[in-house]
PDB file of N, CA and C in Angstrom:
ATOM      1  N   MET A   1      34.533  -1.220 -49.896  1.00  0.00           N
ATOM      2  CA  MET A   1      33.328  -0.092 -50.187  1.00  0.00           C
ATOM      3  C   MET A   1      32.030  -0.403 -49.324  1.00  0.00           C
ATOM      4  N   ASP A   2      31.476   0.484 -48.740  1.00  0.00           N
ATOM      5  CA  ASP A   2      30.379   0.436 -47.902  1.00  0.00           C
ATOM      6  C   ASP A   2      28.968   0.799 -48.654  1.00  0.00           C
ATOM      7  N   ILE A   3      27.951   0.005 -48.734  1.00  0.00           N
ATOM      8  CA  ILE A   3      26.866   0.370 -49.427  1.00  0.00           C
ATOM      9  C   ILE A   3      25.655   0.341 -48.480  1.00  0.00           C
ATOM     10  N   LYS A   4      25.040   1.392 -48.335  1.00  0.00           N
ATOM     11  CA  LYS A   4      23.833   1.626 -47.524  1.00  0.00           C
ATOM     12  C   LYS A   4      22.680   2.259 -48.455  1.00  0.00           C
ATOM     13  N   VAL A   5      21.393   1.889 -48.063  1.00  0.00           N
ATOM     14  CA  VAL A   5      20.383   2.467 -48.617  1.00  0.00           C
ATOM     15  C   VAL A   5      19.696   3.548 -47.673  1.00  0.00           C
ATOM     16  N   ARG A   6      19.517   4.714 -48.106  1.00  0.00           N
ATOM     17  CA  ARG A   6      19.148   6.054 -47.788  1.00  0.00           C
ATOM     18  C   ARG A   6      17.692   6.550 -48.187  1.00  0.00           C
ATOM     19  N   ASN A   7      16.821   6.221 -47.945  1.00  0.00           N
ATOM     20  CA  ASN A   7      15.452   6.652 -48.523  1.00  0.00           C
ATOM     21  C   ASN A   7      15.341   6.193 -49.804  1.00  0.00           C
ATOM     22  N   VAL A   8      15.486   6.719 -50.997  1.00  0.00           N
ATOM     23  CA  VAL A   8      15.488   6.057 -52.261  1.00  0.00           C
ATOM     24  C   VAL A   8      16.501   6.234 -52.926  1.00  0.00           C
ATOM     25  N   SER A   9      17.580   6.275 -52.239  1.00  0.00           N
ATOM     26  CA  SER A   9      19.204   6.421 -52.631  1.00  0.00           C
ATOM     27  C   SER A   9      19.951   5.136 -51.940  1.00  0.00           C
ATOM     28  N   ILE A  10      21.066   4.840 -53.043  1.00  0.00           N
ATOM     29  CA  ILE A  10      22.025   4.020 -52.490  1.00  0.00           C
ATOM     30  C   ILE A  10      23.230   4.840 -52.317  1.00  0.00           C
ATOM     31  N   VAL A  11      23.938   4.720 -51.231  1.00  0.00           N
ATOM     32  CA  VAL A  11      25.025   5.588 -50.859  1.00  0.00           C
ATOM     33  C   VAL A  11      25.997   4.616 -50.500  1.00  0.00           C
ATOM     34  N   VAL A  12      27.331   4.680 -51.641  1.00  0.00           N
ATOM     35  CA  VAL A  12      28.251   3.837 -51.756  1.00  0.00           C
ATOM     36  C   VAL A  12      29.487   4.846 -50.847  1.00  0.00           C
ATOM     37  N   SER A  13      30.028   4.277 -49.810  1.00  0.00           N
ATOM     38  CA  SER A  13      31.217   5.130 -49.577  1.00  0.00           C
ATOM     39  C   SER A  13      32.541   4.201 -49.106  1.00  0.00           C
ATOM     40  N   ALA A  14      33.527   4.892 -49.041  1.00  0.00           N
ATOM     41  CA  ALA A  14      35.070   4.480 -49.154  1.00  0.00           C
ATOM     42  C   ALA A  14      35.156   3.634 -47.905  1.00  0.00           C
ATOM     43  N   ALA A  15      35.385   2.349 -47.712  1.00  0.00           N
ATOM     44  CA  ALA A  15      35.843   1.995 -46.200  1.00  0.00           C
ATOM     45  C   ALA A  15      36.506   0.496 -46.636  1.00  0.00           C
ATOM     46  N   THR A  16      37.784   0.733 -45.876  1.00  0.00           N
ATOM     47  CA  THR A  16      38.668  -0.440 -46.224  1.00  0.00           C
ATOM     48  C   THR A  16      38.200  -1.746 -45.826  1.00  0.00           C
ATOM     49  N   ALA A  17      37.544  -1.722 -44.535  1.00  0.00           N
ATOM     50  CA  ALA A  17      36.573  -3.184 -44.030  1.00  0.00           C
ATOM     51  C   ALA A  17      35.335  -3.259 -44.617  1.00  0.00           C
ATOM     52  N   GLY A  18      34.943  -2.459 -45.682  1.00  0.00           N
ATOM     53  CA  GLY A  18      33.764  -2.665 -46.343  1.00  0.00           C
ATOM     54  C   GLY A  18      33.576  -4.386 -46.799  1.00  0.00           C
ATOM     55  N   ARG A  19      32.334  -4.725 -47.253  1.00  0.00           N
ATOM     56  CA  ARG A  19      31.766  -5.826 -47.461  1.00  0.00           C
ATOM     57  C   ARG A  19      31.850  -6.166 -49.292  1.00  0.00           C
ATOM     58  N   HIS A  20      32.102  -4.742 -49.679  1.00  0.00           N
ATOM     59  CA  HIS A  20      31.869  -4.778 -51.224  1.00  0.00           C
ATOM     60  C   HIS A  20      33.194  -4.354 -51.745  1.00  0.00           C
ATOM     61  N   ALA A  21      33.324  -4.503 -52.935  1.00  0.00           N
ATOM     62  CA  ALA A  21      34.722  -4.122 -53.853  1.00  0.00           C
ATOM     63  C   ALA A  21      34.457  -3.866 -55.075  1.00  0.00           C
ATOM     64  N   ILE A  22      35.310  -2.815 -55.810  1.00  0.00           N
ATOM     65  CA  ILE A  22      35.066  -2.518 -57.082  1.00  0.00           C
ATOM     66  C   ILE A  22      35.360  -3.801 -58.123  1.00  0.00           C
ATOM     67  N   GLY A  23      34.600  -3.802 -59.175  1.00  0.00           N
ATOM     68  CA  GLY A  23      34.986  -5.076 -59.930  1.00  0.00           C
ATOM     69  C   GLY A  23      36.007  -4.801 -60.982  1.00  0.00           C
ATOM     70  N   ILE A  24      36.430  -5.781 -61.391  1.00  0.00           N
ATOM     71  CA  ILE A  24      37.770  -5.934 -62.214  1.00  0.00           C
ATOM     72  C   ILE A  24      37.703  -5.117 -63.248  1.00  0.00           C
ATOM     73  N   ARG A  25      36.083  -4.573 -63.744  1.00  0.00           N
ATOM     74  CA  ARG A  25      36.418  -3.799 -65.058  1.00  0.00           C
ATOM     75  C   ARG A  25      35.895  -2.281 -64.424  1.00  0.00           C
ATOM     76  N   GLY A  26      36.051  -2.061 -63.107  1.00  0.00           N
ATOM     77  CA  GLY A  26      35.757  -0.638 -62.498  1.00  0.00           C
ATOM     78  C   GLY A  26      34.387  -0.541 -62.259  1.00  0.00           C
ATOM     79  N   GLU A  27      33.305  -1.484 -62.396  1.00  0.00           N
ATOM     80  CA  GLU A  27      32.369  -1.405 -62.029  1.00  0.00           C
ATOM     81  C   GLU A  27      31.877  -1.564 -60.596  1.00  0.00           C
ATOM     82  N   ILE A  28      30.739  -0.871 -59.927  1.00  0.00           N
ATOM     83  CA  ILE A  28      30.460  -0.749 -58.726  1.00  0.00           C
ATOM     84  C   ILE A  28      29.083  -1.563 -58.696  1.00  0.00           C
ATOM     85  N   PRO A  29      29.020  -3.120 -58.380  1.00  0.00           N
ATOM     86  CA  PRO A  29      28.050  -3.838 -58.122  1.00  0.00           C
ATOM     87  C   PRO A  29      27.194  -3.255 -57.187  1.00  0.00           C
ATOM     88  N   LEU A  30      25.806  -3.264 -57.280  1.00  0.00           N
ATOM     89  CA  LEU A  30      24.543  -2.775 -56.328  1.00  0.00           C
ATOM     90  C   LEU A  30      24.158  -4.281 -55.711  1.00  0.00           C
ATOM     91  N   PRO A  31      23.875  -4.126 -54.472  1.00  0.00           N
ATOM     92  CA  PRO A  31      23.231  -5.242 -54.112  1.00  0.00           C
ATOM     93  C   PRO A  31      21.924  -5.553 -54.666  1.00  0.00           C
ATOM     94  N   VAL A  32      21.430  -6.606 -55.081  1.00  0.00           N
ATOM     95  CA  VAL A  32      20.176  -6.777 -55.489  1.00  0.00           C
ATOM     96  C   VAL A  32      19.024  -6.458 -54.319  1.00  0.00           C
ATOM     97  N   ALA A  33      19.354  -6.560 -52.978  1.00  0.00           N
ATOM     98  CA  ALA A  33      18.384  -6.112 -51.617  1.00  0.00           C
ATOM     99  C   ALA A  33      18.231  -4.613 -51.996  1.00  0.00           C
ATOM    100  N   ALA A  34      19.576  -3.928 -52.116  1.00  0.00           N
ATOM    101  CA  ALA A  34      19.626  -2.498 -52.197  1.00  0.00           C
ATOM    102  C   ALA A  34      18.832  -2.010 -53.293  1.00  0.00           C
ATOM    103  N   ARG A  35      18.877  -2.446 -54.462  1.00  0.00           N
ATOM    104  CA  ARG A  35      18.366  -2.297 -55.583  1.00  0.00           C
ATOM    105  C   ARG A  35      16.721  -2.424 -55.551  1.00  0.00           C
ATOM    106  N   ARG A  36      16.036  -3.540 -54.926  1.00  0.00           N
ATOM    107  CA  ARG A  36      14.697  -3.427 -54.464  1.00  0.00           C
ATOM    108  C   ARG A  36      14.368  -2.718 -53.425  1.00  0.00           C
ATOM    109  N   MET A  37      15.159  -2.214 -52.714  1.00  0.00           N
ATOM    110  CA  MET A  37      14.678  -1.378 -51.494  1.00  0.00           C
ATOM    111  C   MET A  37      14.292  -0.022 -52.304  1.00  0.00           C
ATOM    112  N   CYS A  38      15.233   0.239 -53.239  1.00  0.00           N
ATOM    113  CA  CYS A  38      15.002   1.614 -53.988  1.00  0.00           C
ATOM    114  C   CYS A  38      14.195   1.722 -55.124  1.00  0.00           C
ATOM    115  N   ALA A  39      13.590   0.335 -55.407  1.00  0.00           N
ATOM    116  CA  ALA A  39      12.641   0.066 -56.370  1.00  0.00           C
ATOM    117  C   ALA A  39      13.365   0.632 -57.841  1.00  0.00           C
ATOM    118  N   PHE A  40      14.783   0.154 -57.915  1.00  0.00           N
ATOM    119  CA  PHE A  40      15.337   0.176 -59.240  1.00  0.00           C
ATOM    120  C   PHE A  40      15.044  -0.912 -59.916  1.00  0.00           C
ATOM    121  N   THR A  41      14.795  -0.350 -61.236  1.00  0.00           N
ATOM    122  CA  THR A  41      14.369  -1.784 -62.154  1.00  0.00           C
ATOM    123  C   THR A  41      15.626  -2.044 -63.276  1.00  0.00           C
ATOM    124  N   PRO A  42      15.668  -3.193 -63.704  1.00  0.00           N
ATOM    125  CA  PRO A  42      16.554  -3.424 -64.725  1.00  0.00           C
ATOM    126  C   PRO A  42      16.737  -2.282 -65.915  1.00  0.00           C
ATOM    127  N   GLY A  43      17.574  -1.771 -66.328  1.00  0.00           N
ATOM    128  CA  GLY A  43      17.515  -0.941 -67.548  1.00  0.00           C
ATOM    129  C   GLY A  43      17.189   0.373 -67.435  1.00  0.00           C
ATOM    130  N   GLU A  44      16.859   0.696 -66.024  1.00  0.00           N
ATOM    131  CA  GLU A  44      16.310   2.109 -65.879  1.00  0.00           C
ATOM    132  C   GLU A  44      17.488   3.221 -65.504  1.00  0.00           C
ATOM    133  N   PRO A  45      17.446   4.177 -66.063  1.00  0.00           N
ATOM    134  CA  PRO A  45      18.580   5.367 -65.968  1.00  0.00           C
ATOM    135  C   PRO A  45      18.850   5.385 -64.562  1.00  0.00           C
ATOM    136  N   LEU A  46      19.863   5.673 -64.337  1.00  0.00           N
ATOM    137  CA  LEU A  46      20.269   5.886 -62.931  1.00  0.00           C
ATOM    138  C   LEU A  46      21.188   7.489 -62.894  1.00  0.00           C
ATOM    139  N   VAL A  47      20.974   8.007 -61.754  1.00  0.00           N
ATOM    140  CA  VAL A  47      21.668   9.300 -61.498  1.00  0.00           C
ATOM    141  C   VAL A  47      22.721   9.260 -60.485  1.00  0.00           C
ATOM    142  N   LEU A  48      23.946   9.387 -60.803  1.00  0.00           N
ATOM    143  CA  LEU A  48      25.205   9.176 -60.109  1.00  0.00           C
ATOM    144  C   LEU A  48      25.795  10.781 -59.383  1.00  0.00           C
ATOM    145  N   ALA A  49      25.699  11.065 -58.334  1.00  0.00           N
ATOM    146  CA  ALA A  49      25.997  12.095 -57.715  1.00  0.00           C
ATOM    147  C   ALA A  49      27.631  11.906 -56.916  1.00  0.00           C
ATOM    148  N   ALA A  50      28.613  12.614 -56.966  1.00  0.00           N
ATOM    149  CA  ALA A  50      29.923  12.413 -56.098  1.00  0.00           C
ATOM    150  C   ALA A  50      29.903  13.305 -54.988  1.00  0.00           C
ATOM    151  N   ASP A  51      29.895  12.786 -53.819  1.00  0.00           N
ATOM    152  CA  ASP A  51      30.612  13.864 -52.679  1.00  0.00           C
ATOM    153  C   ASP A  51      31.821  13.621 -52.550  1.00  0.00           C
ATOM    154  N   VAL A  52      32.559  14.138 -53.001  1.00  0.00           N
ATOM    155  CA  VAL A  52      33.951  14.060 -52.933  1.00  0.00           C
ATOM    156  C   VAL A  52      34.730  14.362 -51.736  1.00  0.00           C
ATOM    157  N   ALA A  53      34.201  15.439 -50.898  1.00  0.00           N
ATOM    158  CA  ALA A  53      34.672  15.909 -49.416  1.00  0.00           C
ATOM    159  C   ALA A  53      34.389  14.802 -48.718  1.00  0.00           C
ATOM    160  N   LEU A  54      33.382  13.683 -48.900  1.00  0.00           N
ATOM    161  CA  LEU A  54      32.721  12.975 -47.910  1.00  0.00           C
ATOM    162  C   LEU A  54      33.381  11.591 -48.524  1.00  0.00           C
ATOM    163  N   SER A  55      33.767  11.179 -49.652  1.00  0.00           N
ATOM    164  CA  SER A  55      34.621  10.233 -50.194  1.00  0.00           C
ATOM    165  C   SER A  55      33.185   9.226 -50.370  1.00  0.00           C
ATOM    166  N   ARG A  56      32.334   9.725 -51.219  1.00  0.00           N
ATOM    167  CA  ARG A  56      30.882   8.974 -51.249  1.00  0.00           C
ATOM    168  C   ARG A  56      30.223   9.221 -52.703  1.00  0.00           C
ATOM    169  N   LEU A  57      29.445   8.283 -53.106  1.00  0.00           N
ATOM    170  CA  LEU A  57      28.736   8.181 -54.497  1.00  0.00           C
ATOM    171  C   LEU A  57      27.308   7.880 -54.046  1.00  0.00           C
ATOM    172  N   ILE A  58      26.402   8.873 -54.489  1.00  0.00           N
ATOM    173  CA  ILE A  58      24.864   8.622 -54.054  1.00  0.00           C
ATOM    174  C   ILE A  58      24.304   8.351 -55.528  1.00  0.00           C
ATOM    175  N   VAL A  59      23.530   7.136 -55.433  1.00  0.00           N
ATOM    176  CA  VAL A  59      22.933   6.642 -56.472  1.00  0.00           C
ATOM    177  C   VAL A  59      21.171   6.855 -56.528  1.00  0.00           C
ATOM    178  N   GLN A  60      20.852   7.448 -57.463  1.00  0.00           N
ATOM    179  CA  GLN A  60      19.313   7.472 -57.412  1.00  0.00           C
ATOM    180  C   GLN A  60      18.812   7.253 -58.774  1.00  0.00           C
ATOM    181  N   SER A  61      17.416   6.871 -58.923  1.00  0.00           N
ATOM    182  CA  SER A  61      16.782   6.776 -60.108  1.00  0.00           C
ATOM    183  C   SER A  61      16.441   8.073 -60.805  1.00  0.00           C
ATOM    184  N   ALA A  62      16.651   8.048 -62.027  1.00  0.00           N
ATOM    185  CA  ALA A  62      16.383   9.380 -62.853  1.00  0.00           C
ATOM    186  C   ALA A  62      14.863   9.908 -62.751  1.00  0.00           C
ATOM    187  N   ARG A  63      14.156   8.794 -62.337  1.00  0.00           N
ATOM    188  CA  ARG A  63      12.594   9.170 -62.079  1.00  0.00           C
ATOM    189  C   ARG A  63      12.619   9.779 -60.692  1.00  0.00           C
ATOM    190  N   SER A  64      13.154   9.537 -59.586  1.00  0.00           N
ATOM    191  CA  SER A  64      13.067  10.210 -58.259  1.00  0.00           C
ATOM    192  C   SER A  64      13.790  11.347 -58.676  1.00  0.00           C
ATOM    193  N   VAL A  65      14.796  11.635 -59.134  1.00  0.00           N
ATOM    194  CA  VAL A  65      15.228  12.786 -59.206  1.00  0.00           C
ATOM    195  C   VAL A  65      14.442  13.918 -59.980  1.00  0.00           C
ATOM    196  N   ALA A  66      13.858  13.378 -60.956  1.00  0.00           N
ATOM    197  CA  ALA A  66      12.796  14.297 -61.683  1.00  0.00           C
ATOM    198  C   ALA A  66      11.777  14.598 -60.810  1.00  0.00           C
ATOM    199  N   GLN A  67      11.355  13.506 -59.701  1.00  0.00           N
ATOM    200  CA  GLN A  67      10.314  13.826 -59.025  1.00  0.00           C
ATOM    201  C   GLN A  67      10.658  15.044 -58.018  1.00  0.00           C
ATOM    202  N   LEU A  68      11.695  15.015 -57.563  1.00  0.00           N
ATOM    203  CA  LEU A  68      12.196  15.937 -56.705  1.00  0.00           C
ATOM    204  C   LEU A  68      12.451  17.257 -57.148  1.00  0.00           C
ATOM    205  N   LEU A  69      13.074  17.403 -58.470  1.00  0.00           N
ATOM    206  CA  LEU A  69      12.913  18.660 -59.257  1.00  0.00           C
ATOM    207  C   LEU A  69      11.348  19.185 -59.456  1.00  0.00           C
ATOM    208  N   ALA A  70      10.423  18.410 -59.572  1.00  0.00           N
ATOM    209  CA  ALA A  70       9.174  18.767 -59.946  1.00  0.00           C
ATOM    210  C   ALA A  70       8.589  19.511 -58.691  1.00  0.00           C
ATOM    211  N   ASP A  71       8.899  18.579 -57.630  1.00  0.00           N
ATOM    212  CA  ASP A  71       8.411  19.101 -56.517  1.00  0.00           C
ATOM    213  C   ASP A  71       9.039  20.412 -55.703  1.00  0.00           C
ATOM    214  N   LEU A  72      10.293  20.717 -56.061  1.00  0.00           N
ATOM    215  CA  LEU A  72      11.060  21.944 -55.840  1.00  0.00           C
ATOM    216  C   LEU A  72      10.353  22.986 -56.864  1.00  0.00           C
ATOM    217  N   ASP A  73      10.092  22.689 -57.767  1.00  0.00           N
ATOM    218  CA  ASP A  73       9.682  23.862 -58.851  1.00  0.00           C
ATOM    219  C   ASP A  73       8.100  24.095 -58.595  1.00  0.00           C
ATOM    220  N   ALA A  74       7.308  23.048 -57.925  1.00  0.00           N
ATOM    221  CA  ALA A  74       6.013  23.251 -57.819  1.00  0.00           C
ATOM    222  C   ALA A  74       5.571  24.935 -57.376  1.00  0.00           C
ATOM    223  N   PRO A  75       6.026  25.388 -56.146  1.00  0.00           N
ATOM    224  CA  PRO A  75       5.684  26.654 -55.624  1.00  0.00           C
ATOM    225  C   PRO A  75       5.906  27.562 -56.567  1.00  0.00           C
ATOM    226  N   TYR A  76       7.117  27.610 -57.322  1.00  0.00           N
ATOM    227  CA  TYR A  76       7.155  28.562 -58.427  1.00  0.00           C
ATOM    228  C   TYR A  76       6.319  28.578 -59.751  1.00  0.00           C
ATOM    229  N   SER A  77       6.029  27.363 -60.157  1.00  0.00           N
ATOM    230  CA  SER A  77       5.110  26.907 -61.157  1.00  0.00           C
ATOM    231  C   SER A  77       3.444  27.663 -60.706  1.00  0.00           C
ATOM    232  N   ALA A  78       3.292  27.416 -59.643  1.00  0.00           N
ATOM    233  CA  ALA A  78       1.871  27.743 -59.373  1.00  0.00           C
ATOM    234  C   ALA A  78       1.612  29.281 -59.298  1.00  0.00           C
ATOM    235  N   THR A  79       2.699  30.188 -59.225  1.00  0.00           N
ATOM    236  CA  THR A  79       2.691  31.542 -59.191  1.00  0.00           C
ATOM    237  C   THR A  79       2.825  32.244 -60.644  1.00  0.00           C
ATOM    238  N   GLN A  80       2.852  31.400 -61.472  1.00  0.00           N
ATOM    239  CA  GLN A  80       3.202  32.236 -62.494  1.00  0.00           C
ATOM    240  C   GLN A  80       1.927  32.152 -63.583  1.00  0.00           C
TER     241      GLN A  80
END
């Protein structure tokens, strides 16, 4: 697997020559440096989104997803 940080997300991609591997229990270990760059805290709920066409998994904190949705809804809420 290949693991990269994009803004406040961690993107996990299929890669035969990647530096990371799925654990023996099927877990995807996220490097500490990547978690810190995204400000993920221990026990924080995360949202996983699969992009099957591109063979990747996007990981974001539930907090950042909630903020994105609130920002998208703001123009509509202001007009009501």
